[in-house]
Amino acid sequence: MMILLLEDDDKIGAFVARGLEQEGYRVEWCKTGDEGLRAARAKEYDAAIVDRMLPGMDGVDVVRELRARRVNTPVLILSAKGSVEDRVEGLRAGADDYLAKPFSFAELVARIEALTRRVVAGAPARTLTYADLTLDVYARRATRAGRTIDLQAKEFTLLEYLLRNAERVLSKTMILERVWGYAFDPQTNVVDVLVSRLRSKIDKEHVSKLIHTVRGAGYVLRQG
C-alpha cells in the first residue's frame, strides 16, 4: 500500500516514514502543504498522513482543498493541536481521523489500517484473487492452491500491484514507481530481480504459470 506523508519536521517525518516502510508500506514524503497537495492530486494513495502545521498551506486547508476537488484518499491529521475544537475543525474539513502529538507509533499504524479497511465506494478490495492465487491485503497473507506463500515486504507490494492489474502489462517504470518510488534509476535491474524472486515463489511448483514477461513491455499476471 502507498501512503502519502505530509510532515515538515525532519525527525518526525523520518521516524514515521521508516516505521511505515518496516511495516511493508510504500511512503512518499512531502514537507510543505503545497507540495503535498500536488502529490495527492497527481496520483492515487491508499491513505495520507497530514501534519496540521505545514509551511505554506496548512494541513486542514490541504484536506479541505482535496475534498473540494473530489480526492477521496482517506486522511489522518497528525497534530500537536489536540483540543476538541481543533479535532472538530479537522474532521469537518474532511479528514477521516485525527491523532494528537505526541503519539504512539503502534496506534498510528492501527489507525492507518482501520482507515484502509473501511468499505467505501471505490475502495480497494481486501482480498484479491486470480486463478488459484489469493492475497489478503490486510492480513498480509498470500496463498496459491491453498498453500501459504511467505513474502518479503517488496514481494508483497509487487504481488498486490500485479493482482490489482491482472491481465494488464505493467512496465518496469510503473513497477519502480509503485514499489520503490522515483529514487531509482529506470535502467536498474532491481525490477527483474524482484520479479524473478516473486515468480520462484508463485510459479515454481505449478504447471500453470501466472507471472509472464512481455518482451520490451514489462510484466503481466495472466493464465497460460
Protein backbone atom coordinates (compact mmCIF):
# COMPACT_ATOMS: atom_id res chain seq x y z
CA MET A 1 0.00 0.00 0.00
CA MET A 2 1.14 3.53 -0.75
CA ILE A 3 0.97 6.22 1.93
CA LEU A 4 1.39 9.97 1.39
CA LEU A 5 3.09 11.66 4.36
CA LEU A 6 2.94 15.45 4.79
CA GLU A 7 5.29 16.42 7.62
CA ASP A 8 7.78 19.31 7.82
CA ASP A 9 9.62 18.11 10.92
CA ASP A 10 12.61 16.07 9.68
CA LYS A 11 12.88 13.95 12.82
CA ILE A 12 9.19 13.04 12.99
CA GLY A 13 8.93 12.56 9.23
CA ALA A 14 11.93 10.22 9.11
CA PHE A 15 10.62 8.27 12.10
CA VAL A 16 7.14 7.80 10.61
CA ALA A 17 8.39 7.03 7.09
CA ARG A 18 10.95 4.50 8.30
CA GLY A 19 8.47 2.83 10.63
CA LEU A 20 5.76 2.51 7.97
CA GLU A 21 8.24 1.12 5.45
CA GLN A 22 9.26 -1.51 8.00
CA GLU A 23 5.56 -2.40 8.25
CA GLY A 24 5.53 -3.01 4.48
CA TYR A 25 4.06 0.30 3.28
CA ARG A 26 5.44 2.47 0.47
CA VAL A 27 5.80 6.04 1.69
CA GLU A 28 6.09 9.29 -0.26
CA TRP A 29 7.12 12.17 2.00
CA CYS A 30 6.35 15.83 1.29
CA LYS A 31 7.42 18.69 3.57
CA THR A 32 5.04 21.51 2.55
CA GLY A 33 1.30 21.73 2.13
CA ASP A 34 1.55 22.86 -1.48
CA GLU A 35 3.87 20.00 -2.39
CA GLY A 36 1.60 17.51 -0.66
CA LEU A 37 -1.49 18.87 -2.39
CA ARG A 38 0.16 18.49 -5.80
CA ALA A 39 1.21 14.92 -5.00
CA ALA A 40 -2.26 13.94 -3.74
CA ARG A 41 -3.88 15.30 -6.89
CA ALA A 42 -1.35 13.71 -9.24
CA LYS A 43 -1.70 10.07 -8.21
CA GLU A 44 -3.68 7.66 -6.06
CA TYR A 45 -2.67 6.80 -2.49
CA ASP A 46 -4.20 4.29 -0.12
CA ALA A 47 -4.08 6.84 2.73
CA ALA A 48 -2.49 10.16 3.68
CA ILE A 49 -0.98 11.31 6.98
CA VAL A 50 -1.13 15.11 7.15
CA ASP A 51 0.58 17.28 9.75
CA ARG A 52 -1.63 20.21 10.64
CA MET A 53 1.09 22.87 10.90
CA LEU A 54 2.81 22.90 7.50
CA PRO A 55 4.77 25.62 5.67
CA GLY A 56 2.59 27.42 3.13
CA MET A 57 -0.84 25.81 3.05
CA ASP A 58 -1.60 24.21 6.41
CA GLY A 59 -2.85 20.65 6.79
CA VAL A 60 -6.51 21.50 7.33
CA ASP A 61 -6.55 23.65 4.20
CA VAL A 62 -4.86 20.84 2.25
CA VAL A 63 -7.62 18.42 3.30
CA ARG A 64 -10.33 20.96 2.57
CA GLU A 65 -8.92 21.57 -0.92
CA LEU A 66 -8.61 17.84 -1.64
CA ARG A 67 -12.24 17.25 -0.74
CA ALA A 68 -13.32 20.24 -2.83
CA ARG A 69 -11.54 18.63 -5.77
CA ARG A 70 -13.20 15.25 -5.04
CA VAL A 71 -9.99 13.50 -4.00
CA ASN A 72 -11.28 10.80 -1.64
CA THR A 73 -8.00 9.46 -0.24
CA PRO A 74 -8.50 8.55 3.46
CA VAL A 75 -6.74 11.23 5.56
CA LEU A 76 -5.42 11.15 9.10
CA ILE A 77 -4.40 14.54 10.52
CA LEU A 78 -1.39 14.40 12.83
CA SER A 79 -1.06 17.48 15.02
CA ALA A 80 0.30 18.98 18.22
CA LYS A 81 -3.03 20.83 18.42
CA GLY A 82 -5.27 18.28 20.09
CA SER A 83 -8.15 20.22 21.62
CA VAL A 84 -11.73 19.21 20.90
CA GLU A 85 -12.17 22.34 18.76
CA ASP A 86 -9.05 21.51 16.71
CA ARG A 87 -10.18 17.92 16.14
CA VAL A 88 -13.66 19.03 15.14
CA GLU A 89 -12.25 21.57 12.69
CA GLY A 90 -10.02 18.94 11.08
CA LEU A 91 -12.79 16.37 10.78
CA ARG A 92 -15.23 18.92 9.39
CA ALA A 93 -12.65 19.91 6.78
CA GLY A 94 -12.86 16.34 5.50
CA ALA A 95 -10.26 14.36 7.48
CA ASP A 96 -11.23 10.80 8.37
CA ASP A 97 -9.27 10.67 11.62
CA TYR A 98 -7.22 12.92 13.90
CA LEU A 99 -4.27 11.91 16.09
CA ALA A 100 -2.60 14.31 18.52
CA LYS A 101 1.16 14.52 19.08
CA PRO A 102 2.96 13.03 20.90
CA PHE A 103 1.59 9.73 19.63
CA SER A 104 2.22 6.01 19.85
CA PHE A 105 3.53 4.61 16.56
CA ALA A 106 1.56 1.40 17.16
CA GLU A 107 -1.61 3.48 17.41
CA LEU A 108 -0.73 5.36 14.23
CA VAL A 109 -0.33 2.08 12.33
CA ALA A 110 -3.60 0.74 13.79
CA ARG A 111 -5.44 3.87 12.68
CA ILE A 112 -4.00 3.66 9.16
CA GLU A 113 -5.05 0.01 9.00
CA ALA A 114 -8.56 0.98 10.12
CA LEU A 115 -8.79 3.74 7.51
CA THR A 116 -7.77 1.46 4.67
CA ARG A 117 -10.17 -1.27 5.83
CA ARG A 118 -13.23 0.93 5.65
CA VAL A 119 -15.61 -0.09 2.90
CA VAL A 120 -16.46 2.95 0.80
CA ALA A 121 -17.43 3.36 -2.83
CA GLY A 122 -14.42 2.63 -4.95
CA ALA A 123 -12.28 1.39 -2.05
CA PRO A 124 -9.68 -1.27 -2.88
CA ALA A 125 -10.80 -4.83 -2.16
CA ARG A 126 -9.40 -6.53 0.93
CA THR A 127 -9.00 -9.93 -0.75
CA LEU A 128 -7.57 -10.18 -4.26
CA THR A 129 -7.97 -13.40 -6.23
CA TYR A 130 -6.79 -14.53 -9.64
CA ALA A 131 -6.98 -18.18 -10.72
CA ASP A 132 -5.87 -20.15 -7.62
CA LEU A 133 -3.82 -17.26 -6.23
CA THR A 134 -5.25 -15.26 -3.32
CA LEU A 135 -3.90 -12.29 -1.39
CA ASP A 136 -5.43 -10.96 1.83
CA VAL A 137 -4.19 -7.37 1.82
CA TYR A 138 -4.87 -6.60 5.48
CA ALA A 139 -3.82 -9.93 6.97
CA ARG A 140 -0.81 -9.75 4.60
CA ARG A 141 -1.22 -13.41 3.66
CA ALA A 142 -0.77 -14.96 0.23
CA THR A 143 -1.81 -18.45 -0.84
CA ARG A 144 -1.77 -20.43 -4.07
CA ALA A 145 -3.83 -23.59 -4.36
CA GLY A 146 -4.30 -23.39 -0.60
CA ARG A 147 -0.57 -23.27 0.18
CA THR A 148 0.70 -20.28 2.15
CA ILE A 149 3.43 -18.26 0.45
CA ASP A 150 5.97 -16.41 2.60
CA LEU A 151 6.60 -12.98 1.08
CA GLN A 152 9.02 -10.20 1.94
CA ALA A 153 7.67 -6.63 2.03
CA LYS A 154 8.52 -5.63 -1.56
CA GLU A 155 7.43 -9.01 -2.92
CA PHE A 156 4.07 -8.44 -1.24
CA THR A 157 3.77 -4.93 -2.71
CA LEU A 158 4.60 -6.19 -6.20
CA LEU A 159 2.15 -9.09 -5.98
CA GLU A 160 -0.62 -6.77 -4.80
CA TYR A 161 0.13 -4.43 -7.73
CA LEU A 162 0.04 -7.31 -10.22
CA LEU A 163 -3.23 -8.65 -8.78
CA ARG A 164 -4.91 -5.25 -8.85
CA ASN A 165 -3.90 -5.01 -12.50
CA ALA A 166 -4.37 -8.64 -13.57
CA GLU A 167 -4.02 -9.19 -17.34
CA ARG A 168 -2.63 -5.65 -17.75
CA VAL A 169 1.00 -5.30 -18.79
CA LEU A 170 2.97 -3.26 -16.25
CA SER A 171 6.16 -1.61 -17.41
CA LYS A 172 9.35 -1.58 -15.37
CA THR A 173 8.89 2.16 -14.85
CA MET A 174 5.39 1.62 -13.46
CA ILE A 175 6.67 -1.07 -11.09
CA LEU A 176 9.61 1.10 -9.98
CA GLU A 177 7.24 3.95 -9.17
CA ARG A 178 4.80 1.75 -7.25
CA VAL A 179 7.28 -0.38 -5.31
CA TRP A 180 10.27 1.90 -4.81
CA GLY A 181 9.31 5.43 -5.82
CA TYR A 182 11.28 7.76 -8.06
CA ALA A 183 14.65 7.46 -6.33
CA PHE A 184 15.79 4.56 -8.52
CA ASP A 185 17.35 4.76 -11.96
CA PRO A 186 14.87 3.31 -14.53
CA GLN A 187 17.78 1.38 -16.07
CA THR A 188 18.41 -0.58 -12.86
CA ASN A 189 17.73 -4.33 -12.84
CA VAL A 190 16.03 -4.34 -9.42
CA VAL A 191 12.64 -4.96 -11.07
CA ASP A 192 13.91 -8.03 -12.90
CA VAL A 193 15.46 -9.38 -9.71
CA LEU A 194 12.28 -8.80 -7.68
CA VAL A 195 10.02 -10.34 -10.34
CA SER A 196 12.31 -13.36 -10.57
CA ARG A 197 12.21 -13.79 -6.80
CA LEU A 198 8.41 -13.49 -6.70
CA ARG A 199 7.99 -15.83 -9.67
CA SER A 200 10.05 -18.52 -7.92
CA LYS A 201 7.59 -18.39 -5.00
CA ILE A 202 4.37 -18.12 -7.03
CA ASP A 203 5.03 -20.32 -10.07
CA LYS A 204 7.92 -22.69 -9.39
CA GLU A 205 5.86 -25.61 -8.09
CA HIS A 206 2.94 -25.19 -10.50
CA VAL A 207 2.44 -26.31 -14.10
CA SER A 208 0.26 -23.27 -14.82
CA LYS A 209 2.43 -20.14 -14.72
CA LEU A 210 0.89 -16.80 -13.75
CA ILE A 211 3.68 -14.21 -13.94
CA HIS A 212 4.80 -13.62 -17.52
CA THR A 213 7.40 -11.44 -19.21
CA VAL A 214 6.21 -9.38 -22.18
CA ARG A 215 9.38 -8.68 -24.11
CA GLY A 216 10.08 -4.97 -24.49
CA ALA A 217 6.98 -4.04 -22.50
CA GLY A 218 7.11 -5.36 -18.94
CA TYR A 219 5.33 -8.00 -16.88
CA VAL A 220 1.77 -9.28 -16.61
CA LEU A 221 -0.25 -11.57 -14.35
CA ARG A 222 -2.30 -13.89 -16.53
CA GLN A 223 -3.05 -17.56 -17.10
CA GLY A 224 -1.28 -19.53 -19.77
